[in-house]
Amino acid sequence: MSNVPPVPADNYVRMFDTSLRDGEQSPGATLTSEEKLEVAQALSRLGVDAMEAGFPAASPDDLFAVKRIAESVGQEPRPGRAGDAPPIICGLARARKTVQCVPHTVGKATGATIAHRLAR
């Protein structure tokens, strides 16, 4: 299976969900790795094309959750999507130099977020 999803029709709207990462930035909002997996499975069933599964550098549990989601949800074909492709699973990473986006490994962030993180 190729890591590059097939190109959908011109009128296809791609969905990119960040709730597994951004949702935990609210005070008091935390999810276990099992809860993150359940949410990722639900997002995949809803047809989400790509999701940020977390920030693996934040904790060993977040690393475990992102890895588990990538190895399960990120490998399951989803009928109804272009080529029945599974969702792309992203994990946000810190970098001091060049930032590369690789499906199932490192996700996208806005330019402002990347600039802010790299300035640290």
PDB file of N, CA and C in Angstrom:
ATOM      1  N   MET A   1       0.848  -1.178   0.000  1.00  0.00           N
ATOM      2  CA  MET A   1       0.000   0.000   0.000  1.00  0.00           C
ATOM      3  C   MET A   1       0.891   1.237   0.000  1.00  0.00           C
ATOM      4  N   SER A   2       0.589   2.172  -0.828  1.00  0.00           N
ATOM      5  CA  SER A   2       1.354   3.407  -0.946  1.00  0.00           C
ATOM      6  C   SER A   2       1.003   4.369   0.175  1.00  0.00           C
ATOM      7  N   ASN A   3       1.978   5.173   0.629  1.00  0.00           N
ATOM      8  CA  ASN A   3       1.729   6.194   1.649  1.00  0.00           C
ATOM      9  C   ASN A   3       1.071   7.425   1.064  1.00  0.00           C
ATOM     10  N   VAL A   4       1.017   7.520  -0.267  1.00  0.00           N
ATOM     11  CA  VAL A   4       0.431   8.688  -0.913  1.00  0.00           C
ATOM     12  C   VAL A   4      -1.008   8.371  -1.281  1.00  0.00           C
ATOM     13  N   PRO A   5      -1.980   9.089  -0.651  1.00  0.00           N
ATOM     14  CA  PRO A   5      -3.378   8.807  -0.985  1.00  0.00           C
ATOM     15  C   PRO A   5      -3.703   9.207  -2.407  1.00  0.00           C
ATOM     16  N   PRO A   6      -4.635   8.502  -3.041  1.00  0.00           N
ATOM     17  CA  PRO A   6      -5.044   8.866  -4.403  1.00  0.00           C
ATOM     18  C   PRO A   6      -5.653  10.264  -4.420  1.00  0.00           C
ATOM     19  N   VAL A   7      -5.582  10.902  -5.557  1.00  0.00           N
ATOM     20  CA  VAL A   7      -6.144  12.241  -5.707  1.00  0.00           C
ATOM     21  C   VAL A   7      -7.659  12.109  -5.864  1.00  0.00           C
ATOM     22  N   PRO A   8      -8.433  12.773  -4.966  1.00  0.00           N
ATOM     23  CA  PRO A   8      -9.883  12.687  -5.076  1.00  0.00           C
ATOM     24  C   PRO A   8     -10.413  13.584  -6.194  1.00  0.00           C
ATOM     25  N   ALA A   9     -11.698  13.500  -6.437  1.00  0.00           N
ATOM     26  CA  ALA A   9     -12.354  14.323  -7.452  1.00  0.00           C
ATOM     27  C   ALA A   9     -12.157  15.805  -7.144  1.00  0.00           C
ATOM     28  N   ASP A  10     -12.281  16.638  -8.181  1.00  0.00           N
ATOM     29  CA  ASP A  10     -12.075  18.084  -8.035  1.00  0.00           C
ATOM     30  C   ASP A  10     -13.001  18.725  -7.002  1.00  0.00           C
ATOM     31  N   ASN A  11     -14.189  18.185  -6.814  1.00  0.00           N
ATOM     32  CA  ASN A  11     -15.137  18.790  -5.888  1.00  0.00           C
ATOM     33  C   ASN A  11     -15.075  18.188  -4.480  1.00  0.00           C
ATOM     34  N   TYR A  12     -14.058  17.407  -4.212  1.00  0.00           N
ATOM     35  CA  TYR A  12     -13.894  16.751  -2.912  1.00  0.00           C
ATOM     36  C   TYR A  12     -13.360  17.740  -1.884  1.00  0.00           C
ATOM     37  N   VAL A  13     -13.946  17.758  -0.702  1.00  0.00           N
ATOM     38  CA  VAL A  13     -13.479  18.618   0.387  1.00  0.00           C
ATOM     39  C   VAL A  13     -12.695  17.748   1.360  1.00  0.00           C
ATOM     40  N   ARG A  14     -11.420  18.072   1.543  1.00  0.00           N
ATOM     41  CA  ARG A  14     -10.584  17.315   2.481  1.00  0.00           C
ATOM     42  C   ARG A  14     -10.834  17.807   3.901  1.00  0.00           C
ATOM     43  N   MET A  15     -10.939  16.863   4.829  1.00  0.00           N
ATOM     44  CA  MET A  15     -11.131  17.209   6.240  1.00  0.00           C
ATOM     45  C   MET A  15      -9.860  16.899   7.019  1.00  0.00           C
ATOM     46  N   PHE A  16      -9.369  17.901   7.746  1.00  0.00           N
ATOM     47  CA  PHE A  16      -8.175  17.760   8.578  1.00  0.00           C
ATOM     48  C   PHE A  16      -8.590  18.106  10.001  1.00  0.00           C
ATOM     49  N   ASP A  17      -8.536  17.127  10.899  1.00  0.00           N
ATOM     50  CA  ASP A  17      -9.021  17.313  12.266  1.00  0.00           C
ATOM     51  C   ASP A  17      -7.854  17.442  13.242  1.00  0.00           C
ATOM     52  N   THR A  18      -7.961  18.414  14.143  1.00  0.00           N
ATOM     53  CA  THR A  18      -6.901  18.636  15.135  1.00  0.00           C
ATOM     54  C   THR A  18      -7.402  18.453  16.562  1.00  0.00           C
ATOM     55  N   SER A  19      -8.582  17.895  16.747  1.00  0.00           N
ATOM     56  CA  SER A  19      -9.150  17.833  18.091  1.00  0.00           C
ATOM     57  C   SER A  19      -8.367  16.943  19.055  1.00  0.00           C
ATOM     58  N   LEU A  20      -7.666  15.921  18.581  1.00  0.00           N
ATOM     59  CA  LEU A  20      -6.888  15.079  19.497  1.00  0.00           C
ATOM     60  C   LEU A  20      -5.679  15.817  20.064  1.00  0.00           C
ATOM     61  N   ARG A  21      -5.203  16.832  19.355  1.00  0.00           N
ATOM     62  CA  ARG A  21      -4.083  17.626  19.870  1.00  0.00           C
ATOM     63  C   ARG A  21      -4.600  18.933  20.472  1.00  0.00           C
ATOM     64  N   ASP A  22      -5.318  19.721  19.677  1.00  0.00           N
ATOM     65  CA  ASP A  22      -5.801  21.021  20.156  1.00  0.00           C
ATOM     66  C   ASP A  22      -6.802  20.879  21.295  1.00  0.00           C
ATOM     67  N   GLY A  23      -7.605  19.836  21.254  1.00  0.00           N
ATOM     68  CA  GLY A  23      -8.612  19.638  22.294  1.00  0.00           C
ATOM     69  C   GLY A  23      -8.023  19.493  23.672  1.00  0.00           C
ATOM     70  N   GLU A  24      -6.809  18.982  23.758  1.00  0.00           N
ATOM     71  CA  GLU A  24      -6.166  18.798  25.051  1.00  0.00           C
ATOM     72  C   GLU A  24      -5.494  20.070  25.567  1.00  0.00           C
ATOM     73  N   GLN A  25      -5.551  21.133  24.808  1.00  0.00           N
ATOM     74  CA  GLN A  25      -4.939  22.379  25.257  1.00  0.00           C
ATOM     75  C   GLN A  25      -5.894  23.201  26.116  1.00  0.00           C
ATOM     76  N   SER A  26      -7.115  22.737  26.272  1.00  0.00           N
ATOM     77  CA  SER A  26      -8.073  23.398  27.148  1.00  0.00           C
ATOM     78  C   SER A  26      -7.800  22.945  28.579  1.00  0.00           C
ATOM     79  N   PRO A  27      -7.868  23.850  29.549  1.00  0.00           N
ATOM     80  CA  PRO A  27      -7.613  23.473  30.951  1.00  0.00           C
ATOM     81  C   PRO A  27      -8.531  22.326  31.397  1.00  0.00           C
ATOM     82  N   GLY A  28      -7.921  21.310  31.965  1.00  0.00           N
ATOM     83  CA  GLY A  28      -8.672  20.174  32.484  1.00  0.00           C
ATOM     84  C   GLY A  28      -9.058  19.127  31.460  1.00  0.00           C
ATOM     85  N   ALA A  29      -8.767  19.361  30.202  1.00  0.00           N
ATOM     86  CA  ALA A  29      -9.133  18.403  29.148  1.00  0.00           C
ATOM     87  C   ALA A  29      -7.955  17.485  28.868  1.00  0.00           C
ATOM     88  N   THR A  30      -8.082  16.245  29.254  1.00  0.00           N
ATOM     89  CA  THR A  30      -7.045  15.253  28.953  1.00  0.00           C
ATOM     90  C   THR A  30      -7.723  13.958  28.520  1.00  0.00           C
ATOM     91  N   LEU A  31      -7.043  13.222  27.674  1.00  0.00           N
ATOM     92  CA  LEU A  31      -7.540  11.936  27.205  1.00  0.00           C
ATOM     93  C   LEU A  31      -6.471  10.884  27.437  1.00  0.00           C
ATOM     94  N   THR A  32      -6.881   9.690  27.805  1.00  0.00           N
ATOM     95  CA  THR A  32      -5.938   8.580  27.898  1.00  0.00           C
ATOM     96  C   THR A  32      -5.622   8.113  26.483  1.00  0.00           C
ATOM     97  N   SER A  33      -4.601   7.287  26.340  1.00  0.00           N
ATOM     98  CA  SER A  33      -4.273   6.777  25.011  1.00  0.00           C
ATOM     99  C   SER A  33      -5.413   5.929  24.461  1.00  0.00           C
ATOM    100  N   GLU A  34      -6.127   5.220  25.323  1.00  0.00           N
ATOM    101  CA  GLU A  34      -7.275   4.418  24.884  1.00  0.00           C
ATOM    102  C   GLU A  34      -8.404   5.320  24.383  1.00  0.00           C
ATOM    103  N   GLU A  35      -8.660   6.421  25.080  1.00  0.00           N
ATOM    104  CA  GLU A  35      -9.696   7.366  24.649  1.00  0.00           C
ATOM    105  C   GLU A  35      -9.310   8.028  23.323  1.00  0.00           C
ATOM    106  N   LYS A  36      -8.028   8.362  23.171  1.00  0.00           N
ATOM    107  CA  LYS A  36      -7.571   8.944  21.903  1.00  0.00           C
ATOM    108  C   LYS A  36      -7.794   7.970  20.747  1.00  0.00           C
ATOM    109  N   LEU A  37      -7.515   6.697  20.979  1.00  0.00           N
ATOM    110  CA  LEU A  37      -7.730   5.682  19.942  1.00  0.00           C
ATOM    111  C   LEU A  37      -9.210   5.611  19.568  1.00  0.00           C
ATOM    112  N   GLU A  38     -10.098   5.636  20.557  1.00  0.00           N
ATOM    113  CA  GLU A  38     -11.533   5.591  20.285  1.00  0.00           C
ATOM    114  C   GLU A  38     -11.984   6.802  19.469  1.00  0.00           C
ATOM    115  N   VAL A  39     -11.481   7.984  19.815  1.00  0.00           N
ATOM    116  CA  VAL A  39     -11.833   9.198  19.079  1.00  0.00           C
ATOM    117  C   VAL A  39     -11.295   9.107  17.647  1.00  0.00           C
ATOM    118  N   ALA A  40     -10.056   8.641  17.480  1.00  0.00           N
ATOM    119  CA  ALA A  40      -9.461   8.514  16.147  1.00  0.00           C
ATOM    120  C   ALA A  40     -10.265   7.540  15.284  1.00  0.00           C
ATOM    121  N   GLN A  41     -10.714   6.447  15.870  1.00  0.00           N
ATOM    122  CA  GLN A  41     -11.525   5.482  15.121  1.00  0.00           C
ATOM    123  C   GLN A  41     -12.849   6.121  14.688  1.00  0.00           C
ATOM    124  N   ALA A  42     -13.451   6.901  15.576  1.00  0.00           N
ATOM    125  CA  ALA A  42     -14.708   7.579  15.229  1.00  0.00           C
ATOM    126  C   ALA A  42     -14.487   8.609  14.121  1.00  0.00           C
ATOM    127  N   LEU A  43     -13.389   9.372  14.215  1.00  0.00           N
ATOM    128  CA  LEU A  43     -13.082  10.360  13.171  1.00  0.00           C
ATOM    129  C   LEU A  43     -12.880   9.679  11.818  1.00  0.00           C
ATOM    130  N   SER A  44     -12.224   8.537  11.833  1.00  0.00           N
ATOM    131  CA  SER A  44     -12.007   7.793  10.595  1.00  0.00           C
ATOM    132  C   SER A  44     -13.332   7.314  10.015  1.00  0.00           C
ATOM    133  N   ARG A  45     -14.212   6.795  10.875  1.00  0.00           N
ATOM    134  CA  ARG A  45     -15.530   6.351  10.397  1.00  0.00           C
ATOM    135  C   ARG A  45     -16.328   7.517   9.814  1.00  0.00           C
ATOM    136  N   LEU A  46     -16.109   8.728  10.332  1.00  0.00           N
ATOM    137  CA  LEU A  46     -16.793   9.912   9.819  1.00  0.00           C
ATOM    138  C   LEU A  46     -16.220  10.380   8.478  1.00  0.00           C
ATOM    139  N   GLY A  47     -15.060   9.820   8.088  1.00  0.00           N
ATOM    140  CA  GLY A  47     -14.477  10.165   6.798  1.00  0.00           C
ATOM    141  C   GLY A  47     -13.408  11.238   6.849  1.00  0.00           C
ATOM    142  N   VAL A  48     -12.872  11.529   8.034  1.00  0.00           N
ATOM    143  CA  VAL A  48     -11.798  12.520   8.146  1.00  0.00           C
ATOM    144  C   VAL A  48     -10.590  12.026   7.359  1.00  0.00           C
ATOM    145  N   ASP A  49     -10.005  12.905   6.549  1.00  0.00           N
ATOM    146  CA  ASP A  49      -8.881  12.533   5.677  1.00  0.00           C
ATOM    147  C   ASP A  49      -7.547  12.515   6.403  1.00  0.00           C
ATOM    148  N   ALA A  50      -7.381  13.428   7.342  1.00  0.00           N
ATOM    149  CA  ALA A  50      -6.125  13.519   8.086  1.00  0.00           C
ATOM    150  C   ALA A  50      -6.438  14.013   9.480  1.00  0.00           C
ATOM    151  N   MET A  51      -5.661  13.541  10.448  1.00  0.00           N
ATOM    152  CA  MET A  51      -5.865  13.988  11.825  1.00  0.00           C
ATOM    153  C   MET A  51      -4.538  14.100  12.544  1.00  0.00           C
ATOM    154  N   GLU A  52      -4.441  15.137  13.369  1.00  0.00           N
ATOM    155  CA  GLU A  52      -3.299  15.271  14.267  1.00  0.00           C
ATOM    156  C   GLU A  52      -3.627  14.431  15.477  1.00  0.00           C
ATOM    157  N   ALA A  53      -2.857  13.379  15.691  1.00  0.00           N
ATOM    158  CA  ALA A  53      -3.142  12.438  16.766  1.00  0.00           C
ATOM    159  C   ALA A  53      -2.576  12.884  18.108  1.00  0.00           C
ATOM    160  N   GLY A  54      -1.717  13.890  18.112  1.00  0.00           N
ATOM    161  CA  GLY A  54      -1.144  14.362  19.368  1.00  0.00           C
ATOM    162  C   GLY A  54       0.224  14.960  19.176  1.00  0.00           C
ATOM    163  N   PHE A  55       0.887  15.152  20.300  1.00  0.00           N
ATOM    164  CA  PHE A  55       2.236  15.720  20.317  1.00  0.00           C
ATOM    165  C   PHE A  55       3.134  14.709  21.025  1.00  0.00           C
ATOM    166  N   PRO A  56       3.750  13.789  20.282  1.00  0.00           N
ATOM    167  CA  PRO A  56       4.505  12.684  20.881  1.00  0.00           C
ATOM    168  C   PRO A  56       5.602  13.103  21.857  1.00  0.00           C
ATOM    169  N   ALA A  57       6.166  14.296  21.696  1.00  0.00           N
ATOM    170  CA  ALA A  57       7.229  14.744  22.594  1.00  0.00           C
ATOM    171  C   ALA A  57       6.692  15.172  23.952  1.00  0.00           C
ATOM    172  N   ALA A  58       5.378  15.314  24.089  1.00  0.00           N
ATOM    173  CA  ALA A  58       4.786  15.800  25.331  1.00  0.00           C
ATOM    174  C   ALA A  58       4.924  14.805  26.475  1.00  0.00           C
ATOM    175  N   SER A  59       4.790  13.513  26.181  1.00  0.00           N
ATOM    176  CA  SER A  59       4.859  12.501  27.237  1.00  0.00           C
ATOM    177  C   SER A  59       4.985  11.121  26.599  1.00  0.00           C
ATOM    178  N   PRO A  60       5.462  10.145  27.381  1.00  0.00           N
ATOM    179  CA  PRO A  60       5.507   8.773  26.857  1.00  0.00           C
ATOM    180  C   PRO A  60       4.124   8.257  26.460  1.00  0.00           C
ATOM    181  N   ASP A  61       3.076   8.647  27.200  1.00  0.00           N
ATOM    182  CA  ASP A  61       1.727   8.192  26.875  1.00  0.00           C
ATOM    183  C   ASP A  61       1.250   8.790  25.553  1.00  0.00           C
ATOM    184  N   ASP A  62       1.570  10.068  25.304  1.00  0.00           N
ATOM    185  CA  ASP A  62       1.186  10.679  24.031  1.00  0.00           C
ATOM    186  C   ASP A  62       1.931  10.013  22.872  1.00  0.00           C
ATOM    187  N   LEU A  63       3.204   9.706  23.060  1.00  0.00           N
ATOM    188  CA  LEU A  63       3.968   8.984  22.040  1.00  0.00           C
ATOM    189  C   LEU A  63       3.310   7.634  21.757  1.00  0.00           C
ATOM    190  N   PHE A  64       2.952   6.927  22.814  1.00  0.00           N
ATOM    191  CA  PHE A  64       2.297   5.627  22.675  1.00  0.00           C
ATOM    192  C   PHE A  64       0.974   5.767  21.928  1.00  0.00           C
ATOM    193  N   ALA A  65       0.188   6.785  22.273  1.00  0.00           N
ATOM    194  CA  ALA A  65      -1.116   6.993  21.638  1.00  0.00           C
ATOM    195  C   ALA A  65      -0.971   7.279  20.148  1.00  0.00           C
ATOM    196  N   VAL A  66      -0.055   8.186  19.788  1.00  0.00           N
ATOM    197  CA  VAL A  66       0.130   8.529  18.374  1.00  0.00           C
ATOM    198  C   VAL A  66       0.602   7.310  17.587  1.00  0.00           C
ATOM    199  N   LYS A  67       1.534   6.572  18.154  1.00  0.00           N
ATOM    200  CA  LYS A  67       2.046   5.368  17.485  1.00  0.00           C
ATOM    201  C   LYS A  67       0.936   4.342  17.290  1.00  0.00           C
ATOM    202  N   ARG A  68       0.153   4.146  18.312  1.00  0.00           N
ATOM    203  CA  ARG A  68      -0.938   3.167  18.250  1.00  0.00           C
ATOM    204  C   ARG A  68      -1.990   3.569  17.213  1.00  0.00           C
ATOM    205  N   ILE A  69      -2.335   4.844  17.187  1.00  0.00           N
ATOM    206  CA  ILE A  69      -3.315   5.341  16.219  1.00  0.00           C
ATOM    207  C   ILE A  69      -2.781   5.181  14.793  1.00  0.00           C
ATOM    208  N   ALA A  70      -1.504   5.533  14.593  1.00  0.00           N
ATOM    209  CA  ALA A  70      -0.899   5.415  13.259  1.00  0.00           C
ATOM    210  C   ALA A  70      -0.852   3.965  12.797  1.00  0.00           C
ATOM    211  N   GLU A  71      -0.559   3.054  13.719  1.00  0.00           N
ATOM    212  CA  GLU A  71      -0.434   1.640  13.356  1.00  0.00           C
ATOM    213  C   GLU A  71      -1.780   0.944  13.167  1.00  0.00           C
ATOM    214  N   SER A  72      -2.838   1.511  13.716  1.00  0.00           N
ATOM    215  CA  SER A  72      -4.150   0.870  13.547  1.00  0.00           C
ATOM    216  C   SER A  72      -5.041   1.699  12.620  1.00  0.00           C
ATOM    217  N   VAL A  73      -5.502   2.840  13.078  1.00  0.00           N
ATOM    218  CA  VAL A  73      -6.410   3.678  12.286  1.00  0.00           C
ATOM    219  C   VAL A  73      -5.745   4.110  10.982  1.00  0.00           C
ATOM    220  N   GLY A  74      -4.460   4.421  11.028  1.00  0.00           N
ATOM    221  CA  GLY A  74      -3.736   4.879   9.845  1.00  0.00           C
ATOM    222  C   GLY A  74      -3.454   3.800   8.820  1.00  0.00           C
ATOM    223  N   GLN A  75      -3.823   2.560   9.126  1.00  0.00           N
ATOM    224  CA  GLN A  75      -3.607   1.453   8.195  1.00  0.00           C
ATOM    225  C   GLN A  75      -4.909   0.825   7.700  1.00  0.00           C
ATOM    226  N   GLU A  76      -6.043   1.231   8.287  1.00  0.00           N
ATOM    227  CA  GLU A  76      -7.332   0.630   7.946  1.00  0.00           C
ATOM    228  C   GLU A  76      -7.951   1.304   6.719  1.00  0.00           C
ATOM    229  N   PRO A  77      -8.166   0.561   5.637  1.00  0.00           N
ATOM    230  CA  PRO A  77      -8.837   1.148   4.464  1.00  0.00           C
ATOM    231  C   PRO A  77     -10.229   1.654   4.856  1.00  0.00           C
ATOM    232  N   ARG A  78     -10.627   2.758   4.262  1.00  0.00           N
ATOM    233  CA  ARG A  78     -11.939   3.353   4.541  1.00  0.00           C
ATOM    234  C   ARG A  78     -12.741   3.445   3.255  1.00  0.00           C
ATOM    235  N   PRO A  79     -13.667   2.507   3.051  1.00  0.00           N
ATOM    236  CA  PRO A  79     -14.522   2.555   1.860  1.00  0.00           C
ATOM    237  C   PRO A  79     -15.242   3.903   1.771  1.00  0.00           C
ATOM    238  N   GLY A  80     -15.388   4.370   0.540  1.00  0.00           N
ATOM    239  CA  GLY A  80     -16.060   5.644   0.322  1.00  0.00           C
ATOM    240  C   GLY A  80     -15.102   6.802   0.152  1.00  0.00           C
ATOM    241  N   ARG A  81     -13.858   6.609   0.548  1.00  0.00           N
ATOM    242  CA  ARG A  81     -12.849   7.644   0.336  1.00  0.00           C
ATOM    243  C   ARG A  81     -12.058   7.283  -0.908  1.00  0.00           C
ATOM    244  N   ALA A  82     -11.375   8.254  -1.468  1.00  0.00           N
ATOM    245  CA  ALA A  82     -10.594   8.037  -2.695  1.00  0.00           C
ATOM    246  C   ALA A  82      -9.693   6.818  -2.536  1.00  0.00           C
ATOM    247  N   GLY A  83      -9.913   5.809  -3.339  1.00  0.00           N
ATOM    248  CA  GLY A  83      -9.104   4.600  -3.294  1.00  0.00           C
ATOM    249  C   GLY A  83      -9.225   3.826  -1.998  1.00  0.00           C
ATOM    250  N   ASP A  84     -10.270   4.083  -1.233  1.00  0.00           N
ATOM    251  CA  ASP A  84     -10.461   3.470   0.090  1.00  0.00           C
ATOM    252  C   ASP A  84      -9.270   3.715   1.010  1.00  0.00           C
ATOM    253  N   ALA A  85      -8.592   4.837   0.807  1.00  0.00           N
ATOM    254  CA  ALA A  85      -7.379   5.151   1.562  1.00  0.00           C
ATOM    255  C   ALA A  85      -7.679   5.399   3.038  1.00  0.00           C
ATOM    256  N   PRO A  86      -6.799   4.930   3.928  1.00  0.00           N
ATOM    257  CA  PRO A  86      -6.957   5.245   5.343  1.00  0.00           C
ATOM    258  C   PRO A  86      -6.622   6.717   5.583  1.00  0.00           C
ATOM    259  N   PRO A  87      -7.026   7.248   6.730  1.00  0.00           N
ATOM    260  CA  PRO A  87      -6.677   8.637   7.014  1.00  0.00           C
ATOM    261  C   PRO A  87      -5.173   8.792   7.235  1.00  0.00           C
ATOM    262  N   ILE A  88      -4.680   9.978   6.983  1.00  0.00           N
ATOM    263  CA  ILE A  88      -3.282  10.300   7.286  1.00  0.00           C
ATOM    264  C   ILE A  88      -3.217  10.674   8.755  1.00  0.00           C
ATOM    265  N   ILE A  89      -2.321  10.041   9.480  1.00  0.00           N
ATOM    266  CA  ILE A  89      -2.170  10.300  10.907  1.00  0.00           C
ATOM    267  C   ILE A  89      -0.905  11.127  11.107  1.00  0.00           C
ATOM    268  N   CYS A  90      -1.058  12.260  11.792  1.00  0.00           N
ATOM    269  CA  CYS A  90       0.063  13.183  11.993  1.00  0.00           C
ATOM    270  C   CYS A  90       0.369  13.325  13.471  1.00  0.00           C
ATOM    271  N   GLY A  91       1.632  13.493  13.775  1.00  0.00           N
ATOM    272  CA  GLY A  91       2.065  13.805  15.129  1.00  0.00           C
ATOM    273  C   GLY A  91       2.940  15.039  15.045  1.00  0.00           C
ATOM    274  N   LEU A  92       2.587  16.069  15.783  1.00  0.00           N
ATOM    275  CA  LEU A  92       3.347  17.308  15.739  1.00  0.00           C
ATOM    276  C   LEU A  92       4.711  17.084  16.380  1.00  0.00           C
ATOM    277  N   ALA A  93       5.756  17.650  15.777  1.00  0.00           N
ATOM    278  CA  ALA A  93       7.111  17.468  16.280  1.00  0.00           C
ATOM    279  C   ALA A  93       7.824  18.803  16.387  1.00  0.00           C
ATOM    280  N   ARG A  94       8.787  18.875  17.271  1.00  0.00           N
ATOM    281  CA  ARG A  94       9.629  20.057  17.393  1.00  0.00           C
ATOM    282  C   ARG A  94      10.861  19.860  16.524  1.00  0.00           C
ATOM    283  N   ALA A  95      11.332  20.962  15.967  1.00  0.00           N
ATOM    284  CA  ALA A  95      12.542  20.902  15.152  1.00  0.00           C
ATOM    285  C   ALA A  95      13.282  22.219  15.275  1.00  0.00           C
ATOM    286  N   ARG A  96      14.588  22.168  15.200  1.00  0.00           N
ATOM    287  CA  ARG A  96      15.401  23.377  15.272  1.00  0.00           C
ATOM    288  C   ARG A  96      15.790  23.873  13.885  1.00  0.00           C
ATOM    289  N   LYS A  97      15.673  22.999  12.895  1.00  0.00           N
ATOM    290  CA  LYS A  97      16.086  23.361  11.536  1.00  0.00           C
ATOM    291  C   LYS A  97      14.940  23.115  10.584  1.00  0.00           C
ATOM    292  N   THR A  98      15.183  22.416   9.494  1.00  0.00           N
ATOM    293  CA  THR A  98      14.175  22.153   8.479  1.00  0.00           C
ATOM    294  C   THR A  98      13.047  21.303   9.049  1.00  0.00           C
ATOM    295  N   VAL A  99      11.816  21.680   8.726  1.00  0.00           N
ATOM    296  CA  VAL A  99      10.646  20.914   9.147  1.00  0.00           C
ATOM    297  C   VAL A  99      10.085  20.216   7.922  1.00  0.00           C
ATOM    298  N   GLN A 100       9.933  18.901   8.017  1.00  0.00           N
ATOM    299  CA  GLN A 100       9.376  18.133   6.915  1.00  0.00           C
ATOM    300  C   GLN A 100       8.085  17.478   7.370  1.00  0.00           C
ATOM    301  N   CYS A 101       7.132  17.376   6.473  1.00  0.00           N
ATOM    302  CA  CYS A 101       5.871  16.699   6.768  1.00  0.00           C
ATOM    303  C   CYS A 101       5.878  15.351   6.081  1.00  0.00           C
ATOM    304  N   VAL A 102       5.718  14.301   6.863  1.00  0.00           N
ATOM    305  CA  VAL A 102       5.703  12.946   6.346  1.00  0.00           C
ATOM    306  C   VAL A 102       4.429  12.280   6.862  1.00  0.00           C
ATOM    307  N   PRO A 103       3.559  11.760   5.970  1.00  0.00           N
ATOM    308  CA  PRO A 103       2.348  11.094   6.448  1.00  0.00           C
ATOM    309  C   PRO A 103       2.668  10.018   7.473  1.00  0.00           C
ATOM    310  N   HIS A 104       1.856   9.899   8.490  1.00  0.00           N
ATOM    311  CA  HIS A 104       1.961   8.935   9.578  1.00  0.00           C
ATOM    312  C   HIS A 104       3.098   9.260  10.544  1.00  0.00           C
ATOM    313  N   THR A 105       3.802  10.369  10.367  1.00  0.00           N
ATOM    314  CA  THR A 105       4.902  10.688  11.260  1.00  0.00           C
ATOM    315  C   THR A 105       4.817  12.110  11.780  1.00  0.00           C
ATOM    316  N   VAL A 106       4.876  13.085  10.910  1.00  0.00           N
ATOM    317  CA  VAL A 106       4.912  14.484  11.317  1.00  0.00           C
ATOM    318  C   VAL A 106       3.809  15.231  10.595  1.00  0.00           C
ATOM    319  N   GLY A 107       3.054  16.028  11.314  1.00  0.00           N
ATOM    320  CA  GLY A 107       1.930  16.723  10.717  1.00  0.00           C
ATOM    321  C   GLY A 107       2.227  18.158  10.370  1.00  0.00           C
ATOM    322  N   LYS A 108       1.213  18.836   9.885  1.00  0.00           N
ATOM    323  CA  LYS A 108       1.321  20.227   9.495  1.00  0.00           C
ATOM    324  C   LYS A 108       0.929  21.128  10.658  1.00  0.00           C
ATOM    325  N   ALA A 109       1.405  22.335  10.622  1.00  0.00           N
ATOM    326  CA  ALA A 109       0.979  23.365  11.566  1.00  0.00           C
ATOM    327  C   ALA A 109       0.988  24.675  10.805  1.00  0.00           C
ATOM    328  N   THR A 110       0.320  25.663  11.337  1.00  0.00           N
ATOM    329  CA  THR A 110       0.325  26.950  10.654  1.00  0.00           C
ATOM    330  C   THR A 110       1.718  27.541  10.721  1.00  0.00           C
ATOM    331  N   GLY A 111       2.041  28.437   9.802  1.00  0.00           N
ATOM    332  CA  GLY A 111       3.351  29.089   9.800  1.00  0.00           C
ATOM    333  C   GLY A 111       3.630  29.794  11.114  1.00  0.00           C
ATOM    334  N   ALA A 112       2.600  30.420  11.686  1.00  0.00           N
ATOM    335  CA  ALA A 112       2.777  31.125  12.954  1.00  0.00           C
ATOM    336  C   ALA A 112       3.119  30.148  14.077  1.00  0.00           C
ATOM    337  N   THR A 113       2.461  28.997  14.095  1.00  0.00           N
ATOM    338  CA  THR A 113       2.739  28.004  15.129  1.00  0.00           C
ATOM    339  C   THR A 113       4.160  27.476  14.991  1.00  0.00           C
ATOM    340  N   ILE A 114       4.562  27.153  13.764  1.00  0.00           N
ATOM    341  CA  ILE A 114       5.919  26.648  13.547  1.00  0.00           C
ATOM    342  C   ILE A 114       6.944  27.703  13.954  1.00  0.00           C
ATOM    343  N   ALA A 115       6.742  28.941  13.547  1.00  0.00           N
ATOM    344  CA  ALA A 115       7.674  30.017  13.893  1.00  0.00           C
ATOM    345  C   ALA A 115       7.763  30.196  15.405  1.00  0.00           C
ATOM    346  N   HIS A 116       6.619  30.132  16.078  1.00  0.00           N
ATOM    347  CA  HIS A 116       6.602  30.279  17.534  1.00  0.00           C
ATOM    348  C   HIS A 116       7.375  29.133  18.199  1.00  0.00           C
ATOM    349  N   ARG A 117       7.122  27.914  17.763  1.00  0.00           N
ATOM    350  CA  ARG A 117       7.793  26.746  18.344  1.00  0.00           C
ATOM    351  C   ARG A 117       9.301  26.761  18.078  1.00  0.00           C
ATOM    352  N   LEU A 118       9.683  27.143  16.862  1.00  0.00           N
ATOM    353  CA  LEU A 118      11.109  27.156  16.524  1.00  0.00           C
ATOM    354  C   LEU A 118      11.868  28.266  17.264  1.00  0.00           C
ATOM    355  N   ALA A 119      11.158  29.305  17.664  1.00  0.00           N
ATOM    356  CA  ALA A 119      11.801  30.420  18.364  1.00  0.00           C
ATOM    357  C   ALA A 119      12.173  30.066  19.794  1.00  0.00           C
ATOM    358  N   ARG A 120      11.603  28.992  20.320  1.00  0.00           N
ATOM    359  CA  ARG A 120      11.875  28.588  21.715  1.00  0.00           C
ATOM    360  C   ARG A 120      13.297  28.135  21.917  1.00  0.00           C
TER     361      ARG A 120
END
